[in-house]
């Protein structure tokens, strides 16, 4: 009797191989939050799992956006109490 070796299973869709980020529906439904800020929040969630240090400069570099636009979205996310600046250690 031969033992079957267990083989790894993979996604066929190449877009799923890099992972998945879940965004709370309550954030997506906020009509007072801009679409750009919702997108940045999604990126922020993705990066949070990979790094503990996320700065506006890093977000600008990662997204290919300018810091002014990132700053505007960060302020908006802070006003909606979705993110805050980390406290100094």
C-alpha atoms as a PDB file:
ATOM      1  CA  UNK A   1       0.000   0.000   0.000  1.00  0.00           C
ATOM      2  CA  UNK A   2       1.486   3.352  -1.093  1.00  0.00           C
ATOM      3  CA  UNK A   3       1.047   6.482   0.979  1.00  0.00           C
ATOM      4  CA  UNK A   4      -0.143   9.490  -0.977  1.00  0.00           C
ATOM      5  CA  UNK A   5       2.071  12.500  -0.456  1.00  0.00           C
ATOM      6  CA  UNK A   6       0.188  15.662   0.414  1.00  0.00           C
ATOM      7  CA  UNK A   7       0.805  18.401  -2.132  1.00  0.00           C
ATOM      8  CA  UNK A   8       0.597  22.135  -1.615  1.00  0.00           C
ATOM      9  CA  UNK A   9      -2.403  23.880  -3.094  1.00  0.00           C
ATOM     10  CA  UNK A  10      -2.007  27.264  -4.750  1.00  0.00           C
ATOM     11  CA  UNK A  11      -4.266  29.979  -6.136  1.00  0.00           C
ATOM     12  CA  UNK A  12      -4.633  29.867  -9.900  1.00  0.00           C
ATOM     13  CA  UNK A  13      -5.411  33.562 -10.005  1.00  0.00           C
ATOM     14  CA  UNK A  14      -1.986  35.288  -9.797  1.00  0.00           C
ATOM     15  CA  UNK A  15      -3.530  38.359  -8.151  1.00  0.00           C
ATOM     16  CA  UNK A  16      -4.353  36.284  -5.059  1.00  0.00           C
ATOM     17  CA  UNK A  17      -0.836  34.936  -4.558  1.00  0.00           C
ATOM     18  CA  UNK A  18       0.326  38.160  -2.946  1.00  0.00           C
ATOM     19  CA  UNK A  19      -2.326  38.043  -0.223  1.00  0.00           C
ATOM     20  CA  UNK A  20      -5.614  39.702   0.571  1.00  0.00           C
ATOM     21  CA  UNK A  21      -6.572  42.692   2.679  1.00  0.00           C
ATOM     22  CA  UNK A  22      -9.971  42.872   4.345  1.00  0.00           C
ATOM     23  CA  UNK A  23     -11.465  46.320   4.822  1.00  0.00           C
ATOM     24  CA  UNK A  24     -14.351  46.822   7.241  1.00  0.00           C
ATOM     25  CA  UNK A  25     -17.601  47.568   5.429  1.00  0.00           C
ATOM     26  CA  UNK A  26     -18.287  50.359   7.908  1.00  0.00           C
ATOM     27  CA  UNK A  27     -15.232  52.208   6.563  1.00  0.00           C
ATOM     28  CA  UNK A  28     -16.188  51.616   2.947  1.00  0.00           C
ATOM     29  CA  UNK A  29     -19.724  52.903   3.609  1.00  0.00           C
ATOM     30  CA  UNK A  30     -18.597  56.192   5.186  1.00  0.00           C
ATOM     31  CA  UNK A  31     -19.966  58.815   2.820  1.00  0.00           C
ATOM     32  CA  UNK A  32     -17.963  61.519   4.569  1.00  0.00           C
ATOM     33  CA  UNK A  33     -14.666  59.756   3.814  1.00  0.00           C
ATOM     34  CA  UNK A  34     -13.115  60.367   0.392  1.00  0.00           C
ATOM     35  CA  UNK A  35     -12.415  57.528  -1.984  1.00  0.00           C
ATOM     36  CA  UNK A  36      -8.688  58.352  -1.819  1.00  0.00           C
ATOM     37  CA  UNK A  37      -8.720  58.071   1.983  1.00  0.00           C
ATOM     38  CA  UNK A  38     -10.572  54.751   1.796  1.00  0.00           C
ATOM     39  CA  UNK A  39      -7.904  53.455  -0.596  1.00  0.00           C
ATOM     40  CA  UNK A  40      -5.108  54.711   1.662  1.00  0.00           C
ATOM     41  CA  UNK A  41      -6.798  53.069   4.657  1.00  0.00           C
ATOM     42  CA  UNK A  42      -6.794  49.768   2.732  1.00  0.00           C
ATOM     43  CA  UNK A  43      -3.093  50.157   1.977  1.00  0.00           C
ATOM     44  CA  UNK A  44      -2.449  51.074   5.610  1.00  0.00           C
ATOM     45  CA  UNK A  45      -4.181  47.847   6.701  1.00  0.00           C
ATOM     46  CA  UNK A  46      -2.074  45.804   4.295  1.00  0.00           C
ATOM     47  CA  UNK A  47       1.172  47.401   5.483  1.00  0.00           C
ATOM     48  CA  UNK A  48       0.277  47.057   9.160  1.00  0.00           C
ATOM     49  CA  UNK A  49       0.652  43.283   8.883  1.00  0.00           C
ATOM     50  CA  UNK A  50       4.103  43.667   7.307  1.00  0.00           C
ATOM     51  CA  UNK A  51       5.634  46.505   9.279  1.00  0.00           C
ATOM     52  CA  UNK A  52       5.204  48.240  12.580  1.00  0.00           C
ATOM     53  CA  UNK A  53       6.555  51.570  11.282  1.00  0.00           C
ATOM     54  CA  UNK A  54       4.412  53.336   8.730  1.00  0.00           C
ATOM     55  CA  UNK A  55       5.160  56.971   7.973  1.00  0.00           C
ATOM     56  CA  UNK A  56       3.634  59.458   5.580  1.00  0.00           C
ATOM     57  CA  UNK A  57       6.902  59.414   3.623  1.00  0.00           C
ATOM     58  CA  UNK A  58       6.742  55.638   3.311  1.00  0.00           C
ATOM     59  CA  UNK A  59       3.092  55.762   2.217  1.00  0.00           C
ATOM     60  CA  UNK A  60       3.953  58.350  -0.435  1.00  0.00           C
ATOM     61  CA  UNK A  61       6.830  56.226  -1.711  1.00  0.00           C
ATOM     62  CA  UNK A  62       4.800  53.003  -1.615  1.00  0.00           C
ATOM     63  CA  UNK A  63       1.811  54.483  -3.450  1.00  0.00           C
ATOM     64  CA  UNK A  64       3.781  56.689  -5.829  1.00  0.00           C
ATOM     65  CA  UNK A  65       1.835  59.675  -4.562  1.00  0.00           C
ATOM     66  CA  UNK A  66       3.071  63.004  -3.269  1.00  0.00           C
ATOM     67  CA  UNK A  67       3.293  63.690   0.462  1.00  0.00           C
ATOM     68  CA  UNK A  68       0.774  66.531   0.284  1.00  0.00           C
ATOM     69  CA  UNK A  69      -1.944  64.174  -0.964  1.00  0.00           C
ATOM     70  CA  UNK A  70      -0.971  61.531   1.617  1.00  0.00           C
ATOM     71  CA  UNK A  71      -1.060  64.155   4.383  1.00  0.00           C
ATOM     72  CA  UNK A  72      -4.560  65.238   3.332  1.00  0.00           C
ATOM     73  CA  UNK A  73      -5.797  61.625   3.516  1.00  0.00           C
ATOM     74  CA  UNK A  74      -4.044  60.994   6.838  1.00  0.00           C
ATOM     75  CA  UNK A  75      -5.732  64.046   8.354  1.00  0.00           C
ATOM     76  CA  UNK A  76      -9.069  62.834   7.035  1.00  0.00           C
ATOM     77  CA  UNK A  77      -8.523  59.352   8.500  1.00  0.00           C
ATOM     78  CA  UNK A  78      -7.523  60.902  11.829  1.00  0.00           C
ATOM     79  CA  UNK A  79     -10.635  63.087  11.850  1.00  0.00           C
ATOM     80  CA  UNK A  80     -12.737  59.943  11.379  1.00  0.00           C
ATOM     81  CA  UNK A  81     -10.805  58.321  14.247  1.00  0.00           C
ATOM     82  CA  UNK A  82      -9.546  55.491  12.028  1.00  0.00           C
ATOM     83  CA  UNK A  83      -5.821  56.061  12.624  1.00  0.00           C
ATOM     84  CA  UNK A  84      -3.648  58.106  14.952  1.00  0.00           C
ATOM     85  CA  UNK A  85       0.012  58.961  15.324  1.00  0.00           C
ATOM     86  CA  UNK A  86       2.017  56.529  17.410  1.00  0.00           C
ATOM     87  CA  UNK A  87       3.189  57.712  20.793  1.00  0.00           C
ATOM     88  CA  UNK A  88       6.916  58.190  21.245  1.00  0.00           C
ATOM     89  CA  UNK A  89       8.638  55.529  23.305  1.00  0.00           C
END
